[in-house]
PDB file of N, CA and C in Angstrom:
ATOM      1  N   UNK A   1      -5.589 -16.079  44.491  1.00  0.00           N
ATOM      2  CA  UNK A   1      -5.545 -15.190  43.809  1.00  0.00           C
ATOM      3  C   UNK A   1      -6.333 -15.456  42.052  1.00  0.00           C
ATOM      4  N   UNK A   2      -6.944 -15.311  41.333  1.00  0.00           N
ATOM      5  CA  UNK A   2      -7.419 -16.147  40.440  1.00  0.00           C
ATOM      6  C   UNK A   2      -6.999 -14.535  39.460  1.00  0.00           C
ATOM      7  N   UNK A   3      -5.695 -14.293  38.327  1.00  0.00           N
ATOM      8  CA  UNK A   3      -5.943 -13.777  37.762  1.00  0.00           C
ATOM      9  C   UNK A   3      -7.305 -14.604  36.193  1.00  0.00           C
ATOM     10  N   UNK A   4      -8.137 -14.069  35.486  1.00  0.00           N
ATOM     11  CA  UNK A   4      -8.715 -14.617  34.627  1.00  0.00           C
ATOM     12  C   UNK A   4      -8.719 -14.258  33.569  1.00  0.00           C
ATOM     13  N   UNK A   5      -7.276 -14.142  31.802  1.00  0.00           N
ATOM     14  CA  UNK A   5      -7.770 -13.868  31.318  1.00  0.00           C
ATOM     15  C   UNK A   5      -8.901 -14.312  29.882  1.00  0.00           C
ATOM     16  N   UNK A   6      -9.325 -13.428  29.123  1.00  0.00           N
ATOM     17  CA  UNK A   6     -10.069 -13.696  28.309  1.00  0.00           C
ATOM     18  C   UNK A   6      -9.498 -14.015  27.037  1.00  0.00           C
ATOM     19  N   UNK A   7      -9.568 -14.677  25.786  1.00  0.00           N
ATOM     20  CA  UNK A   7      -9.879 -15.107  24.934  1.00  0.00           C
ATOM     21  C   UNK A   7     -10.803 -14.648  23.592  1.00  0.00           C
ATOM     22  N   UNK A   8     -10.080 -14.134  22.685  1.00  0.00           N
ATOM     23  CA  UNK A   8     -11.396 -13.893  22.027  1.00  0.00           C
ATOM     24  C   UNK A   8     -11.915 -14.811  20.758  1.00  0.00           C
ATOM     25  N   UNK A   9     -12.181 -15.883  21.442  1.00  0.00           N
ATOM     26  CA  UNK A   9     -12.747 -17.331  20.613  1.00  0.00           C
ATOM     27  C   UNK A   9     -13.358 -17.120  19.923  1.00  0.00           C
ATOM     28  N   UNK A  10     -14.351 -18.028  19.100  1.00  0.00           N
ATOM     29  CA  UNK A  10     -15.695 -18.348  18.775  1.00  0.00           C
ATOM     30  C   UNK A  10     -16.347 -18.700  19.626  1.00  0.00           C
ATOM     31  N   UNK A  11     -15.826 -19.954  20.272  1.00  0.00           N
ATOM     32  CA  UNK A  11     -16.390 -20.771  21.643  1.00  0.00           C
ATOM     33  C   UNK A  11     -16.913 -19.650  22.524  1.00  0.00           C
ATOM     34  N   UNK A  12     -15.980 -19.104  22.499  1.00  0.00           N
ATOM     35  CA  UNK A  12     -16.349 -17.831  24.128  1.00  0.00           C
ATOM     36  C   UNK A  12     -16.359 -18.348  25.186  1.00  0.00           C
ATOM     37  N   UNK A  13     -14.692 -19.322  25.041  1.00  0.00           N
ATOM     38  CA  UNK A  13     -14.432 -19.875  26.441  1.00  0.00           C
ATOM     39  C   UNK A  13     -13.567 -18.971  27.021  1.00  0.00           C
ATOM     40  N   UNK A  14     -12.320 -18.957  28.224  1.00  0.00           N
ATOM     41  CA  UNK A  14     -11.506 -17.924  28.837  1.00  0.00           C
ATOM     42  C   UNK A  14     -10.577 -19.246  29.775  1.00  0.00           C
ATOM     43  N   UNK A  15      -9.716 -18.547  29.692  1.00  0.00           N
ATOM     44  CA  UNK A  15      -8.709 -19.758  30.179  1.00  0.00           C
ATOM     45  C   UNK A  15      -8.315 -19.101  31.934  1.00  0.00           C
ATOM     46  N   UNK A  16      -8.222 -19.634  32.594  1.00  0.00           N
ATOM     47  CA  UNK A  16      -8.126 -19.004  34.242  1.00  0.00           C
ATOM     48  C   UNK A  16      -6.591 -19.168  34.265  1.00  0.00           C
ATOM     49  N   UNK A  17      -6.052 -18.463  34.864  1.00  0.00           N
ATOM     50  CA  UNK A  17      -4.682 -18.709  35.398  1.00  0.00           C
ATOM     51  C   UNK A  17      -4.464 -18.365  36.620  1.00  0.00           C
ATOM     52  N   UNK A  18      -4.364 -18.999  37.587  1.00  0.00           N
ATOM     53  CA  UNK A  18      -3.502 -19.369  38.951  1.00  0.00           C
ATOM     54  C   UNK A  18      -2.421 -18.784  39.121  1.00  0.00           C
ATOM     55  N   UNK A  19      -2.560 -17.556  40.149  1.00  0.00           N
ATOM     56  CA  UNK A  19      -1.173 -17.237  40.352  1.00  0.00           C
ATOM     57  C   UNK A  19      -1.547 -17.134  42.126  1.00  0.00           C
ATOM     58  N   UNK A  20       0.331 -18.203  42.415  1.00  0.00           N
ATOM     59  CA  UNK A  20       0.447 -17.780  43.888  1.00  0.00           C
ATOM     60  C   UNK A  20       0.901 -16.602  44.437  1.00  0.00           C
ATOM     61  N   UNK A  21      -0.080 -16.023  45.809  1.00  0.00           N
ATOM     62  CA  UNK A  21      -0.127 -14.276  45.942  1.00  0.00           C
ATOM     63  C   UNK A  21       1.563 -13.949  45.934  1.00  0.00           C
ATOM     64  N   UNK A  22       2.651 -14.827  46.765  1.00  0.00           N
ATOM     65  CA  UNK A  22       3.562 -13.921  46.546  1.00  0.00           C
ATOM     66  C   UNK A  22       4.638 -13.474  45.153  1.00  0.00           C
ATOM     67  N   UNK A  23       4.092 -14.740  43.737  1.00  0.00           N
ATOM     68  CA  UNK A  23       4.197 -14.317  42.558  1.00  0.00           C
ATOM     69  C   UNK A  23       3.139 -12.961  42.098  1.00  0.00           C
ATOM     70  N   UNK A  24       2.078 -12.614  43.061  1.00  0.00           N
ATOM     71  CA  UNK A  24       0.983 -10.802  42.036  1.00  0.00           C
ATOM     72  C   UNK A  24       1.711 -10.068  41.893  1.00  0.00           C
ATOM     73  N   UNK A  25       3.156  -9.864  42.212  1.00  0.00           N
ATOM     74  CA  UNK A  25       3.941  -8.554  42.272  1.00  0.00           C
ATOM     75  C   UNK A  25       4.755  -8.603  40.581  1.00  0.00           C
ATOM     76  N   UNK A  26       4.904 -10.038  41.203  1.00  0.00           N
ATOM     77  CA  UNK A  26       6.343 -10.374  39.687  1.00  0.00           C
ATOM     78  C   UNK A  26       5.600 -10.898  38.288  1.00  0.00           C
ATOM     79  N   UNK A  27       4.382 -10.935  39.362  1.00  0.00           N
ATOM     80  CA  UNK A  27       3.211 -11.415  37.238  1.00  0.00           C
ATOM     81  C   UNK A  27       2.942  -9.958  37.037  1.00  0.00           C
ATOM     82  N   UNK A  28       2.510  -9.328  38.085  1.00  0.00           N
ATOM     83  CA  UNK A  28       1.357  -7.750  37.466  1.00  0.00           C
ATOM     84  C   UNK A  28       3.635  -6.496  36.527  1.00  0.00           C
ATOM     85  N   UNK A  29       4.487  -7.149  37.365  1.00  0.00           N
ATOM     86  CA  UNK A  29       5.375  -5.940  36.847  1.00  0.00           C
ATOM     87  C   UNK A  29       5.943  -6.746  34.980  1.00  0.00           C
ATOM     88  N   UNK A  30       5.865  -8.332  35.554  1.00  0.00           N
ATOM     89  CA  UNK A  30       6.024  -8.455  33.923  1.00  0.00           C
ATOM     90  C   UNK A  30       4.915  -8.717  32.480  1.00  0.00           C
ATOM     91  N   UNK A  31       3.681  -8.028  33.184  1.00  0.00           N
ATOM     92  CA  UNK A  31       2.941  -7.872  32.276  1.00  0.00           C
ATOM     93  C   UNK A  31       3.056  -6.883  31.826  1.00  0.00           C
ATOM     94  N   UNK A  32       3.385  -5.924  32.771  1.00  0.00           N
ATOM     95  CA  UNK A  32       3.368  -4.034  32.694  1.00  0.00           C
ATOM     96  C   UNK A  32       4.608  -3.682  31.517  1.00  0.00           C
ATOM     97  N   UNK A  33       5.712  -4.398  31.942  1.00  0.00           N
ATOM     98  CA  UNK A  33       6.713  -4.635  30.444  1.00  0.00           C
ATOM     99  C   UNK A  33       5.990  -4.882  29.478  1.00  0.00           C
ATOM    100  N   UNK A  34       5.291  -6.862  29.663  1.00  0.00           N
ATOM    101  CA  UNK A  34       5.042  -6.615  28.190  1.00  0.00           C
ATOM    102  C   UNK A  34       4.532  -5.599  27.470  1.00  0.00           C
ATOM    103  N   UNK A  35       3.273  -5.477  28.178  1.00  0.00           N
ATOM    104  CA  UNK A  35       2.352  -3.754  27.600  1.00  0.00           C
ATOM    105  C   UNK A  35       3.266  -2.726  27.277  1.00  0.00           C
ATOM    106  N   UNK A  36       4.041  -2.161  27.798  1.00  0.00           N
ATOM    107  CA  UNK A  36       4.912  -0.710  27.756  1.00  0.00           C
ATOM    108  C   UNK A  36       5.371  -1.637  25.790  1.00  0.00           C
ATOM    109  N   UNK A  37       5.826  -3.268  26.293  1.00  0.00           N
ATOM    110  CA  UNK A  37       7.340  -3.158  25.064  1.00  0.00           C
ATOM    111  C   UNK A  37       6.175  -3.371  23.941  1.00  0.00           C
ATOM    112  N   UNK A  38       4.811  -3.959  24.194  1.00  0.00           N
ATOM    113  CA  UNK A  38       4.193  -3.850  22.647  1.00  0.00           C
ATOM    114  C   UNK A  38       3.227  -2.563  22.766  1.00  0.00           C
ATOM    115  N   UNK A  39       3.365  -1.659  23.512  1.00  0.00           N
ATOM    116  CA  UNK A  39       2.881  -0.371  22.937  1.00  0.00           C
ATOM    117  C   UNK A  39       3.360   0.151  22.241  1.00  0.00           C
ATOM    118  N   UNK A  40       4.666  -0.114  22.559  1.00  0.00           N
ATOM    119  CA  UNK A  40       5.993   0.559  21.513  1.00  0.00           C
ATOM    120  C   UNK A  40       6.278   0.346  20.430  1.00  0.00           C
ATOM    121  N   UNK A  41       5.838  -1.414  20.335  1.00  0.00           N
ATOM    122  CA  UNK A  41       6.027  -1.769  19.266  1.00  0.00           C
ATOM    123  C   UNK A  41       4.631  -1.063  18.554  1.00  0.00           C
ATOM    124  N   UNK A  42       3.286  -0.950  18.848  1.00  0.00           N
ATOM    125  CA  UNK A  42       1.999  -0.853  18.014  1.00  0.00           C
ATOM    126  C   UNK A  42       2.330   0.740  17.755  1.00  0.00           C
ATOM    127  N   UNK A  43       3.353   1.515  18.502  1.00  0.00           N
ATOM    128  CA  UNK A  43       3.433   3.002  18.035  1.00  0.00           C
ATOM    129  C   UNK A  43       4.686   2.782  16.553  1.00  0.00           C
ATOM    130  N   UNK A  44       5.682   1.916  16.369  1.00  0.00           N
ATOM    131  CA  UNK A  44       6.652   2.022  15.793  1.00  0.00           C
ATOM    132  C   UNK A  44       5.411   1.543  14.281  1.00  0.00           C
ATOM    133  N   UNK A  45       4.438   0.269  14.674  1.00  0.00           N
ATOM    134  CA  UNK A  45       3.608  -0.225  13.332  1.00  0.00           C
ATOM    135  C   UNK A  45       3.125   0.809  12.484  1.00  0.00           C
ATOM    136  N   UNK A  46       2.763   2.015  13.568  1.00  0.00           N
ATOM    137  CA  UNK A  46       1.058   2.781  13.321  1.00  0.00           C
ATOM    138  C   UNK A  46       2.466   4.106  12.295  1.00  0.00           C
ATOM    139  N   UNK A  47       3.278   3.954  12.951  1.00  0.00           N
ATOM    140  CA  UNK A  47       4.645   5.113  12.075  1.00  0.00           C
ATOM    141  C   UNK A  47       5.045   4.365  10.987  1.00  0.00           C
ATOM    142  N   UNK A  48       4.791   3.339  10.961  1.00  0.00           N
ATOM    143  CA  UNK A  48       5.604   2.577   9.392  1.00  0.00           C
ATOM    144  C   UNK A  48       4.012   2.831   8.578  1.00  0.00           C
ATOM    145  N   UNK A  49       3.425   2.297   8.920  1.00  0.00           N
ATOM    146  CA  UNK A  49       1.921   2.576   7.981  1.00  0.00           C
ATOM    147  C   UNK A  49       1.688   3.752   7.852  1.00  0.00           C
ATOM    148  N   UNK A  50       1.901   4.964   8.664  1.00  0.00           N
ATOM    149  CA  UNK A  50       1.519   6.204   8.102  1.00  0.00           C
ATOM    150  C   UNK A  50       2.299   6.088   7.409  1.00  0.00           C
ATOM    151  N   UNK A  51       3.980   6.381   7.162  1.00  0.00           N
ATOM    152  CA  UNK A  51       5.020   6.486   6.150  1.00  0.00           C
ATOM    153  C   UNK A  51       4.813   5.498   4.793  1.00  0.00           C
ATOM    154  N   UNK A  52       3.902   4.200   4.974  1.00  0.00           N
ATOM    155  CA  UNK A  52       3.539   3.874   3.636  1.00  0.00           C
ATOM    156  C   UNK A  52       2.063   4.252   3.193  1.00  0.00           C
ATOM    157  N   UNK A  53       1.351   4.366   3.891  1.00  0.00           N
ATOM    158  CA  UNK A  53       0.511   5.204   2.984  1.00  0.00           C
ATOM    159  C   UNK A  53       0.757   5.900   2.547  1.00  0.00           C
ATOM    160  N   UNK A  54       2.065   7.395   2.482  1.00  0.00           N
ATOM    161  CA  UNK A  54       2.205   8.846   2.224  1.00  0.00           C
ATOM    162  C   UNK A  54       2.885   8.373   0.728  1.00  0.00           C
ATOM    163  N   UNK A  55       4.091   7.248   0.847  1.00  0.00           N
ATOM    164  CA  UNK A  55       4.484   6.641  -0.103  1.00  0.00           C
ATOM    165  C   UNK A  55       3.975   6.161  -1.389  1.00  0.00           C
ATOM    166  N   UNK A  56       2.017   5.564  -0.703  1.00  0.00           N
ATOM    167  CA  UNK A  56       1.390   5.174  -1.489  1.00  0.00           C
ATOM    168  C   UNK A  56       1.011   5.667  -2.063  1.00  0.00           C
ATOM    169  N   UNK A  57       0.755   7.126  -1.610  1.00  0.00           N
ATOM    170  CA  UNK A  57       0.047   8.331  -2.263  1.00  0.00           C
ATOM    171  C   UNK A  57       0.442   9.024  -3.341  1.00  0.00           C
ATOM    172  N   UNK A  58       1.447   9.009  -3.014  1.00  0.00           N
ATOM    173  CA  UNK A  58       2.786   9.221  -3.907  1.00  0.00           C
ATOM    174  C   UNK A  58       2.997   8.760  -4.790  1.00  0.00           C
ATOM    175  N   UNK A  59       3.072   7.159  -4.872  1.00  0.00           N
ATOM    176  CA  UNK A  59       3.245   6.720  -6.250  1.00  0.00           C
ATOM    177  C   UNK A  59       2.574   5.944  -7.155  1.00  0.00           C
ATOM    178  N   UNK A  60       0.768   6.234  -6.375  1.00  0.00           N
ATOM    179  CA  UNK A  60      -0.173   6.726  -7.236  1.00  0.00           C
ATOM    180  C   UNK A  60      -0.843   7.761  -8.188  1.00  0.00           C
ATOM    181  N   UNK A  61       0.402   8.781  -7.556  1.00  0.00           N
ATOM    182  CA  UNK A  61      -0.226  10.134  -7.701  1.00  0.00           C
ATOM    183  C   UNK A  61       0.672   9.934  -8.964  1.00  0.00           C
ATOM    184  N   UNK A  62       2.180   9.257  -8.467  1.00  0.00           N
ATOM    185  CA  UNK A  62       3.182   9.034 -10.352  1.00  0.00           C
ATOM    186  C   UNK A  62       2.739   8.828 -11.172  1.00  0.00           C
ATOM    187  N   UNK A  63       2.414   7.639 -10.688  1.00  0.00           N
ATOM    188  CA  UNK A  63       1.634   6.721 -11.465  1.00  0.00           C
ATOM    189  C   UNK A  63       0.702   7.247 -12.577  1.00  0.00           C
ATOM    190  N   UNK A  64      -0.603   7.949 -11.901  1.00  0.00           N
ATOM    191  CA  UNK A  64      -1.617   8.946 -12.577  1.00  0.00           C
ATOM    192  C   UNK A  64      -0.300  10.012 -13.511  1.00  0.00           C
ATOM    193  N   UNK A  65       0.157  10.758 -12.794  1.00  0.00           N
ATOM    194  CA  UNK A  65       1.215  11.071 -13.919  1.00  0.00           C
ATOM    195  C   UNK A  65       1.733  10.485 -15.387  1.00  0.00           C
ATOM    196  N   UNK A  66       2.233  10.238 -15.115  1.00  0.00           N
ATOM    197  CA  UNK A  66       3.427   8.590 -15.774  1.00  0.00           C
ATOM    198  C   UNK A  66       1.657   8.567 -16.936  1.00  0.00           C
ATOM    199  N   UNK A  67       0.866   7.668 -16.980  1.00  0.00           N
ATOM    200  CA  UNK A  67      -0.407   7.067 -17.544  1.00  0.00           C
ATOM    201  C   UNK A  67      -1.177   8.650 -18.393  1.00  0.00           C
ATOM    202  N   UNK A  68      -1.233   9.684 -17.774  1.00  0.00           N
ATOM    203  CA  UNK A  68      -1.279  11.201 -18.844  1.00  0.00           C
ATOM    204  C   UNK A  68      -0.282  11.071 -19.972  1.00  0.00           C
ATOM    205  N   UNK A  69       0.911  10.974 -19.020  1.00  0.00           N
ATOM    206  CA  UNK A  69       1.690  11.303 -20.010  1.00  0.00           C
ATOM    207  C   UNK A  69       1.696  10.593 -21.112  1.00  0.00           C
ATOM    208  N   UNK A  70       1.702   8.823 -21.217  1.00  0.00           N
ATOM    209  CA  UNK A  70       1.914   8.015 -22.039  1.00  0.00           C
ATOM    210  C   UNK A  70       0.673   8.863 -22.976  1.00  0.00           C
ATOM    211  N   UNK A  71      -0.866   9.102 -22.162  1.00  0.00           N
ATOM    212  CA  UNK A  71      -1.935   8.960 -23.689  1.00  0.00           C
ATOM    213  C   UNK A  71      -1.410  10.297 -24.168  1.00  0.00           C
ATOM    214  N   UNK A  72      -0.420  11.295 -24.032  1.00  0.00           N
ATOM    215  CA  UNK A  72      -0.893  12.200 -24.661  1.00  0.00           C
ATOM    216  C   UNK A  72       0.167  12.187 -25.961  1.00  0.00           C
ATOM    217  N   UNK A  73       1.417  11.371 -25.107  1.00  0.00           N
ATOM    218  CA  UNK A  73       2.415  10.467 -26.414  1.00  0.00           C
ATOM    219  C   UNK A  73       1.896   9.669 -27.543  1.00  0.00           C
ATOM    220  N   UNK A  74       0.706   9.053 -26.886  1.00  0.00           N
ATOM    221  CA  UNK A  74       0.263   8.222 -27.896  1.00  0.00           C
ATOM    222  C   UNK A  74      -0.791   8.912 -28.770  1.00  0.00           C
ATOM    223  N   UNK A  75      -1.404   9.443 -28.417  1.00  0.00           N
ATOM    224  CA  UNK A  75      -2.051  10.299 -29.689  1.00  0.00           C
ATOM    225  C   UNK A  75      -1.262  11.444 -30.418  1.00  0.00           C
ATOM    226  N   UNK A  76       0.148  12.346 -29.634  1.00  0.00           N
ATOM    227  CA  UNK A  76       0.933  12.698 -30.514  1.00  0.00           C
ATOM    228  C   UNK A  76       1.353  12.138 -31.933  1.00  0.00           C
ATOM    229  N   UNK A  77       1.851  10.665 -31.215  1.00  0.00           N
ATOM    230  CA  UNK A  77       2.920   9.300 -32.241  1.00  0.00           C
ATOM    231  C   UNK A  77       0.885   9.377 -33.451  1.00  0.00           C
ATOM    232  N   UNK A  78       0.136   9.063 -32.968  1.00  0.00           N
ATOM    233  CA  UNK A  78      -0.867   8.588 -34.268  1.00  0.00           C
ATOM    234  C   UNK A  78      -0.907   9.451 -34.363  1.00  0.00           C
ATOM    235  N   UNK A  79      -1.374  10.827 -34.013  1.00  0.00           N
ATOM    236  CA  UNK A  79      -1.326  12.092 -35.270  1.00  0.00           C
ATOM    237  C   UNK A  79      -0.119  12.772 -36.000  1.00  0.00           C
ATOM    238  N   UNK A  80       0.941  12.399 -35.693  1.00  0.00           N
ATOM    239  CA  UNK A  80       2.625  11.682 -37.066  1.00  0.00           C
ATOM    240  C   UNK A  80       1.797  11.010 -37.778  1.00  0.00           C
ATOM    241  N   UNK A  81       1.317   9.843 -37.543  1.00  0.00           N
ATOM    242  CA  UNK A  81       1.670   8.738 -38.177  1.00  0.00           C
ATOM    243  C   UNK A  81       0.434   8.799 -38.814  1.00  0.00           C
ATOM    244  N   UNK A  82      -0.877   9.278 -38.864  1.00  0.00           N
ATOM    245  CA  UNK A  82      -1.496   9.626 -39.738  1.00  0.00           C
ATOM    246  C   UNK A  82      -0.941  10.969 -40.733  1.00  0.00           C
ATOM    247  N   UNK A  83      -0.441  12.351 -39.936  1.00  0.00           N
ATOM    248  CA  UNK A  83       0.218  13.031 -40.639  1.00  0.00           C
ATOM    249  C   UNK A  83       1.070  12.500 -41.692  1.00  0.00           C
ATOM    250  N   UNK A  84       2.263  11.575 -41.449  1.00  0.00           N
ATOM    251  CA  UNK A  84       2.914  10.755 -42.675  1.00  0.00           C
ATOM    252  C   UNK A  84       2.267   9.539 -43.804  1.00  0.00           C
ATOM    253  N   UNK A  85       0.848   9.514 -42.945  1.00  0.00           N
ATOM    254  CA  UNK A  85       0.389   8.504 -44.001  1.00  0.00           C
ATOM    255  C   UNK A  85      -0.335   9.688 -45.478  1.00  0.00           C
ATOM    256  N   UNK A  86      -1.149  10.509 -45.137  1.00  0.00           N
ATOM    257  CA  UNK A  86      -1.426  11.883 -45.772  1.00  0.00           C
ATOM    258  C   UNK A  86      -0.333  12.114 -47.016  1.00  0.00           C
ATOM    259  N   UNK A  87       0.782  12.021 -46.349  1.00  0.00           N
ATOM    260  CA  UNK A  87       1.955  12.540 -47.091  1.00  0.00           C
ATOM    261  C   UNK A  87       1.956  11.843 -48.070  1.00  0.00           C
ATOM    262  N   UNK A  88       2.886  10.035 -47.556  1.00  0.00           N
ATOM    263  CA  UNK A  88       3.174   9.645 -48.475  1.00  0.00           C
ATOM    264  C   UNK A  88       1.688   8.606 -49.441  1.00  0.00           C
ATOM    265  N   UNK A  89       0.368   8.804 -49.311  1.00  0.00           N
ATOM    266  CA  UNK A  89      -0.474   9.076 -50.338  1.00  0.00           C
ATOM    267  C   UNK A  89      -0.658  10.179 -51.172  1.00  0.00           C
ATOM    268  N   UNK A  90       0.189  11.192 -50.922  1.00  0.00           N
ATOM    269  CA  UNK A  90      -0.030  12.441 -51.682  1.00  0.00           C
ATOM    270  C   UNK A  90       1.069  12.121 -52.853  1.00  0.00           C
ATOM    271  N   UNK A  91       1.956  11.787 -52.557  1.00  0.00           N
ATOM    272  CA  UNK A  91       3.186  11.477 -52.586  1.00  0.00           C
ATOM    273  C   UNK A  91       3.052   9.994 -54.125  1.00  0.00           C
ATOM    274  N   UNK A  92       2.587   8.984 -53.432  1.00  0.00           N
ATOM    275  CA  UNK A  92       1.927   7.882 -54.103  1.00  0.00           C
ATOM    276  C   UNK A  92       1.258   8.161 -56.094  1.00  0.00           C
ATOM    277  N   UNK A  93      -0.057   9.165 -55.110  1.00  0.00           N
ATOM    278  CA  UNK A  93      -0.281  10.072 -56.183  1.00  0.00           C
ATOM    279  C   UNK A  93       0.124  10.529 -57.036  1.00  0.00           C
ATOM    280  N   UNK A  94       1.118  11.201 -56.882  1.00  0.00           N
ATOM    281  CA  UNK A  94       2.106  12.313 -57.902  1.00  0.00           C
ATOM    282  C   UNK A  94       2.985  11.233 -58.486  1.00  0.00           C
ATOM    283  N   UNK A  95       3.723  10.465 -58.341  1.00  0.00           N
ATOM    284  CA  UNK A  95       3.983   9.586 -58.666  1.00  0.00           C
ATOM    285  C   UNK A  95       3.722   8.572 -60.102  1.00  0.00           C
ATOM    286  N   UNK A  96       1.989   8.472 -59.667  1.00  0.00           N
ATOM    287  CA  UNK A  96       1.133   7.951 -60.830  1.00  0.00           C
ATOM    288  C   UNK A  96       0.669   8.679 -61.831  1.00  0.00           C
ATOM    289  N   UNK A  97       0.969   9.878 -61.538  1.00  0.00           N
ATOM    290  CA  UNK A  97       0.498  10.965 -62.556  1.00  0.00           C
ATOM    291  C   UNK A  97       1.541  10.988 -63.664  1.00  0.00           C
ATOM    292  N   UNK A  98       2.585  11.126 -62.795  1.00  0.00           N
ATOM    293  CA  UNK A  98       4.266  11.157 -63.380  1.00  0.00           C
ATOM    294  C   UNK A  98       4.290   9.815 -64.110  1.00  0.00           C
ATOM    295  N   UNK A  99       4.272   8.765 -63.959  1.00  0.00           N
ATOM    296  CA  UNK A  99       4.149   7.595 -64.640  1.00  0.00           C
ATOM    297  C   UNK A  99       3.298   7.545 -65.955  1.00  0.00           C
TER     298      UNK A  99
END
């Protein structure tokens, strides 16, 4: 019996594995077990990916909130500094008038 296993290679080559008929059932069982294990692992990876995507979305939303807050704080600070500079200018003018 021939079991042909195709590999996705650029050269389109394939590998042929010859199995002795007595080993067919054993090989099939091993392949089924490997397939089940890989399927479970794939489901775990999909679940982890989904959780990671949700976490990333939450982090990006939080980043946007922080960014907006920094902009608001910066604008408030700039307004305060401009106000202080205006007051200092007036104080300076008053001091110059007194002297």
